[in-house]
């Protein structure tokens, strides 16, 4: 699968928490974020309301 490099702006404290979580779980932050996006998109396609449904 091809992957695109991008940048995001994120709260520094949240970034630290995400990095620590991913280190503890031995996963890449990019894989974690990509997984969250996929789950959210699948829910939206099924019509499930999420906290980001209005975005």
PDB file of N, CA and C in Angstrom:
ATOM      1  N   UNK A   1       0.841  -1.174   0.000  1.00  0.00           N
ATOM      2  CA  UNK A   1       0.000   0.000   0.000  1.00  0.00           C
ATOM      3  C   UNK A   1       0.888   1.240   0.000  1.00  0.00           C
ATOM      4  N   UNK A   2       0.575   2.158  -0.883  1.00  0.00           N
ATOM      5  CA  UNK A   2       1.300   3.419  -0.933  1.00  0.00           C
ATOM      6  C   UNK A   2       0.860   4.308   0.220  1.00  0.00           C
ATOM      7  N   UNK A   3       1.791   5.011   0.792  1.00  0.00           N
ATOM      8  CA  UNK A   3       1.463   5.931   1.891  1.00  0.00           C
ATOM      9  C   UNK A   3       2.000   7.306   1.550  1.00  0.00           C
ATOM     10  N   UNK A   4       1.250   8.307   1.931  1.00  0.00           N
ATOM     11  CA  UNK A   4       1.611   9.689   1.661  1.00  0.00           C
ATOM     12  C   UNK A   4       2.152  10.325   2.939  1.00  0.00           C
ATOM     13  N   UNK A   5       3.217  11.075   2.801  1.00  0.00           N
ATOM     14  CA  UNK A   5       3.768  11.814   3.931  1.00  0.00           C
ATOM     15  C   UNK A   5       3.046  13.148   4.033  1.00  0.00           C
ATOM     16  N   UNK A   6       2.642  13.488   5.237  1.00  0.00           N
ATOM     17  CA  UNK A   6       1.927  14.737   5.467  1.00  0.00           C
ATOM     18  C   UNK A   6       2.313  15.277   6.836  1.00  0.00           C
ATOM     19  N   UNK A   7       1.830  16.431   7.146  1.00  0.00           N
ATOM     20  CA  UNK A   7       2.072  16.980   8.488  1.00  0.00           C
ATOM     21  C   UNK A   7       0.740  17.437   9.062  1.00  0.00           C
ATOM     22  N   UNK A   8       0.658  17.412  10.372  1.00  0.00           N
ATOM     23  CA  UNK A   8      -0.534  17.882  11.066  1.00  0.00           C
ATOM     24  C   UNK A   8      -0.102  18.785  12.211  1.00  0.00           C
ATOM     25  N   UNK A   9      -1.016  19.636  12.617  1.00  0.00           N
ATOM     26  CA  UNK A   9      -0.771  20.463  13.802  1.00  0.00           C
ATOM     27  C   UNK A   9      -1.575  19.847  14.928  1.00  0.00           C
ATOM     28  N   UNK A  10      -0.920  19.656  16.071  1.00  0.00           N
ATOM     29  CA  UNK A  10      -1.561  18.980  17.192  1.00  0.00           C
ATOM     30  C   UNK A  10      -1.072  19.599  18.499  1.00  0.00           C
ATOM     31  N   UNK A  11      -1.927  19.610  19.477  1.00  0.00           N
ATOM     32  CA  UNK A  11      -1.583  20.129  20.794  1.00  0.00           C
ATOM     33  C   UNK A  11      -0.352  19.374  21.319  1.00  0.00           C
ATOM     34  N   UNK A  12       0.668  20.089  21.772  1.00  0.00           N
ATOM     35  CA  UNK A  12       1.895  19.435  22.232  1.00  0.00           C
ATOM     36  C   UNK A  12       1.681  18.431  23.368  1.00  0.00           C
ATOM     37  N   UNK A  13       0.794  18.723  24.292  1.00  0.00           N
ATOM     38  CA  UNK A  13       0.539  17.789  25.393  1.00  0.00           C
ATOM     39  C   UNK A  13      -0.136  16.508  24.883  1.00  0.00           C
ATOM     40  N   UNK A  14      -1.069  16.671  23.958  1.00  0.00           N
ATOM     41  CA  UNK A  14      -1.722  15.505  23.359  1.00  0.00           C
ATOM     42  C   UNK A  14      -0.708  14.676  22.587  1.00  0.00           C
ATOM     43  N   UNK A  15       0.175  15.331  21.846  1.00  0.00           N
ATOM     44  CA  UNK A  15       1.212  14.630  21.083  1.00  0.00           C
ATOM     45  C   UNK A  15       2.094  13.791  22.010  1.00  0.00           C
ATOM     46  N   UNK A  16       2.481  14.343  23.141  1.00  0.00           N
ATOM     47  CA  UNK A  16       3.301  13.601  24.099  1.00  0.00           C
ATOM     48  C   UNK A  16       2.570  12.359  24.601  1.00  0.00           C
ATOM     49  N   UNK A  17       1.277  12.513  24.897  1.00  0.00           N
ATOM     50  CA  UNK A  17       0.489  11.373  25.379  1.00  0.00           C
ATOM     51  C   UNK A  17       0.364  10.300  24.304  1.00  0.00           C
ATOM     52  N   UNK A  18       0.124  10.722  23.071  1.00  0.00           N
ATOM     53  CA  UNK A  18       0.001   9.763  21.963  1.00  0.00           C
ATOM     54  C   UNK A  18       1.325   9.043  21.730  1.00  0.00           C
ATOM     55  N   UNK A  19       2.415   9.784  21.729  1.00  0.00           N
ATOM     56  CA  UNK A  19       3.737   9.155  21.535  1.00  0.00           C
ATOM     57  C   UNK A  19       4.030   8.141  22.625  1.00  0.00           C
ATOM     58  N   UNK A  20       3.757   8.509  23.889  1.00  0.00           N
ATOM     59  CA  UNK A  20       3.994   7.591  24.995  1.00  0.00           C
ATOM     60  C   UNK A  20       3.135   6.346  24.851  1.00  0.00           C
ATOM     61  N   UNK A  21       1.847   6.536  24.529  1.00  0.00           N
ATOM     62  CA  UNK A  21       0.944   5.404  24.341  1.00  0.00           C
ATOM     63  C   UNK A  21       1.475   4.464  23.254  1.00  0.00           C
ATOM     64  N   UNK A  22       1.885   5.040  22.138  1.00  0.00           N
ATOM     65  CA  UNK A  22       2.373   4.220  21.027  1.00  0.00           C
ATOM     66  C   UNK A  22       3.686   3.516  21.372  1.00  0.00           C
ATOM     67  N   UNK A  23       4.545   4.185  22.088  1.00  0.00           N
ATOM     68  CA  UNK A  23       5.793   3.545  22.522  1.00  0.00           C
ATOM     69  C   UNK A  23       5.476   2.368  23.436  1.00  0.00           C
ATOM     70  N   UNK A  24       4.553   2.577  24.375  1.00  0.00           N
ATOM     71  CA  UNK A  24       4.171   1.504  25.300  1.00  0.00           C
ATOM     72  C   UNK A  24       3.558   0.315  24.560  1.00  0.00           C
ATOM     73  N   UNK A  25       2.834   0.594  23.466  1.00  0.00           N
ATOM     74  CA  UNK A  25       2.179  -0.462  22.679  1.00  0.00           C
ATOM     75  C   UNK A  25       3.056  -0.966  21.537  1.00  0.00           C
ATOM     76  N   UNK A  26       4.273  -0.408  21.438  1.00  0.00           N
ATOM     77  CA  UNK A  26       5.231  -0.772  20.391  1.00  0.00           C
ATOM     78  C   UNK A  26       4.626  -0.621  18.995  1.00  0.00           C
ATOM     79  N   UNK A  27       4.052   0.562  18.752  1.00  0.00           N
ATOM     80  CA  UNK A  27       3.476   0.856  17.445  1.00  0.00           C
ATOM     81  C   UNK A  27       3.901   2.244  16.997  1.00  0.00           C
ATOM     82  N   UNK A  28       3.824   2.492  15.691  1.00  0.00           N
ATOM     83  CA  UNK A  28       4.129   3.809  15.141  1.00  0.00           C
ATOM     84  C   UNK A  28       2.939   4.734  15.346  1.00  0.00           C
ATOM     85  N   UNK A  29       3.225   6.006  15.622  1.00  0.00           N
ATOM     86  CA  UNK A  29       2.160   6.982  15.777  1.00  0.00           C
ATOM     87  C   UNK A  29       1.349   7.077  14.484  1.00  0.00           C
ATOM     88  N   UNK A  30       2.009   7.035  13.349  1.00  0.00           N
ATOM     89  CA  UNK A  30       1.294   7.145  12.080  1.00  0.00           C
ATOM     90  C   UNK A  30       0.328   5.975  11.888  1.00  0.00           C
ATOM     91  N   UNK A  31       0.719   4.773  12.291  1.00  0.00           N
ATOM     92  CA  UNK A  31      -0.184   3.617  12.199  1.00  0.00           C
ATOM     93  C   UNK A  31      -1.377   3.788  13.129  1.00  0.00           C
ATOM     94  N   UNK A  32      -1.126   4.312  14.318  1.00  0.00           N
ATOM     95  CA  UNK A  32      -2.201   4.556  15.286  1.00  0.00           C
ATOM     96  C   UNK A  32      -3.204   5.570  14.742  1.00  0.00           C
ATOM     97  N   UNK A  33      -2.702   6.694  14.250  1.00  0.00           N
ATOM     98  CA  UNK A  33      -3.583   7.737  13.723  1.00  0.00           C
ATOM     99  C   UNK A  33      -4.332   7.233  12.494  1.00  0.00           C
ATOM    100  N   UNK A  34      -3.648   6.525  11.617  1.00  0.00           N
ATOM    101  CA  UNK A  34      -4.309   5.981  10.434  1.00  0.00           C
ATOM    102  C   UNK A  34      -5.434   5.029  10.834  1.00  0.00           C
ATOM    103  N   UNK A  35      -5.201   4.224  11.852  1.00  0.00           N
ATOM    104  CA  UNK A  35      -6.234   3.313  12.338  1.00  0.00           C
ATOM    105  C   UNK A  35      -7.441   4.062  12.874  1.00  0.00           C
ATOM    106  N   UNK A  36      -7.203   5.139  13.622  1.00  0.00           N
ATOM    107  CA  UNK A  36      -8.309   5.951  14.139  1.00  0.00           C
ATOM    108  C   UNK A  36      -9.121   6.566  13.007  1.00  0.00           C
ATOM    109  N   UNK A  37      -8.443   7.053  11.988  1.00  0.00           N
ATOM    110  CA  UNK A  37      -9.127   7.657  10.851  1.00  0.00           C
ATOM    111  C   UNK A  37      -9.971   6.614  10.125  1.00  0.00           C
ATOM    112  N   UNK A  38      -9.409   5.418   9.921  1.00  0.00           N
ATOM    113  CA  UNK A  38     -10.153   4.351   9.235  1.00  0.00           C
ATOM    114  C   UNK A  38     -11.417   3.973  10.007  1.00  0.00           C
ATOM    115  N   UNK A  39     -11.304   3.817  11.320  1.00  0.00           N
ATOM    116  CA  UNK A  39     -12.467   3.469  12.143  1.00  0.00           C
ATOM    117  C   UNK A  39     -13.520   4.561  12.054  1.00  0.00           C
ATOM    118  N   UNK A  40     -13.105   5.814  12.143  1.00  0.00           N
ATOM    119  CA  UNK A  40     -14.048   6.923  12.073  1.00  0.00           C
ATOM    120  C   UNK A  40     -14.737   6.966  10.714  1.00  0.00           C
ATOM    121  N   UNK A  41     -13.992   6.767   9.645  1.00  0.00           N
ATOM    122  CA  UNK A  41     -14.581   6.790   8.301  1.00  0.00           C
ATOM    123  C   UNK A  41     -15.555   5.634   8.104  1.00  0.00           C
ATOM    124  N   UNK A  42     -15.226   4.456   8.629  1.00  0.00           N
ATOM    125  CA  UNK A  42     -16.134   3.306   8.528  1.00  0.00           C
ATOM    126  C   UNK A  42     -17.435   3.590   9.270  1.00  0.00           C
ATOM    127  N   UNK A  43     -17.334   4.188  10.439  1.00  0.00           N
ATOM    128  CA  UNK A  43     -18.535   4.536  11.211  1.00  0.00           C
ATOM    129  C   UNK A  43     -19.384   5.555  10.465  1.00  0.00           C
ATOM    130  N   UNK A  44     -18.742   6.538   9.864  1.00  0.00           N
ATOM    131  CA  UNK A  44     -19.483   7.550   9.112  1.00  0.00           C
ATOM    132  C   UNK A  44     -20.187   6.923   7.919  1.00  0.00           C
ATOM    133  N   UNK A  45     -19.528   5.981   7.260  1.00  0.00           N
ATOM    134  CA  UNK A  45     -20.136   5.310   6.108  1.00  0.00           C
ATOM    135  C   UNK A  45     -21.341   4.474   6.522  1.00  0.00           C
ATOM    136  N   UNK A  46     -21.370   4.045   7.775  1.00  0.00           N
ATOM    137  CA  UNK A  46     -22.504   3.273   8.294  1.00  0.00           C
ATOM    138  C   UNK A  46     -23.554   4.171   8.931  1.00  0.00           C
ATOM    139  N   UNK A  47     -23.299   5.468   8.965  1.00  0.00           N
ATOM    140  CA  UNK A  47     -24.251   6.405   9.538  1.00  0.00           C
ATOM    141  C   UNK A  47     -24.194   6.503  11.042  1.00  0.00           C
ATOM    142  N   UNK A  48     -23.119   6.016  11.661  1.00  0.00           N
ATOM    143  CA  UNK A  48     -22.971   6.068  13.114  1.00  0.00           C
ATOM    144  C   UNK A  48     -22.456   7.446  13.487  1.00  0.00           C
ATOM    145  N   UNK A  49     -23.089   8.071  14.454  1.00  0.00           N
ATOM    146  CA  UNK A  49     -22.644   9.386  14.921  1.00  0.00           C
ATOM    147  C   UNK A  49     -21.362   9.237  15.723  1.00  0.00           C
ATOM    148  N   UNK A  50     -20.375  10.090  15.433  1.00  0.00           N
ATOM    149  CA  UNK A  50     -19.135  10.130  16.194  1.00  0.00           C
ATOM    150  C   UNK A  50     -18.890  11.560  16.630  1.00  0.00           C
ATOM    151  N   UNK A  51     -17.918  11.758  17.454  1.00  0.00           N
ATOM    152  CA  UNK A  51     -17.630  13.104  17.929  1.00  0.00           C
ATOM    153  C   UNK A  51     -17.159  14.007  16.802  1.00  0.00           C
ATOM    154  N   UNK A  52     -16.723  13.426  15.683  1.00  0.00           N
ATOM    155  CA  UNK A  52     -16.263  14.226  14.551  1.00  0.00           C
ATOM    156  C   UNK A  52     -17.248  14.172  13.385  1.00  0.00           C
ATOM    157  N   UNK A  53     -18.471  13.736  13.620  1.00  0.00           N
ATOM    158  CA  UNK A  53     -19.447  13.598  12.531  1.00  0.00           C
ATOM    159  C   UNK A  53     -19.753  14.900  11.832  1.00  0.00           C
ATOM    160  N   UNK A  54     -19.600  16.005  12.528  1.00  0.00           N
ATOM    161  CA  UNK A  54     -19.923  17.287  11.928  1.00  0.00           C
ATOM    162  C   UNK A  54     -18.787  17.850  11.096  1.00  0.00           C
ATOM    163  N   UNK A  55     -17.629  17.231  11.152  1.00  0.00           N
ATOM    164  CA  UNK A  55     -16.455  17.732  10.404  1.00  0.00           C
ATOM    165  C   UNK A  55     -16.627  17.429   8.932  1.00  0.00           C
TER     166      UNK A  55
END
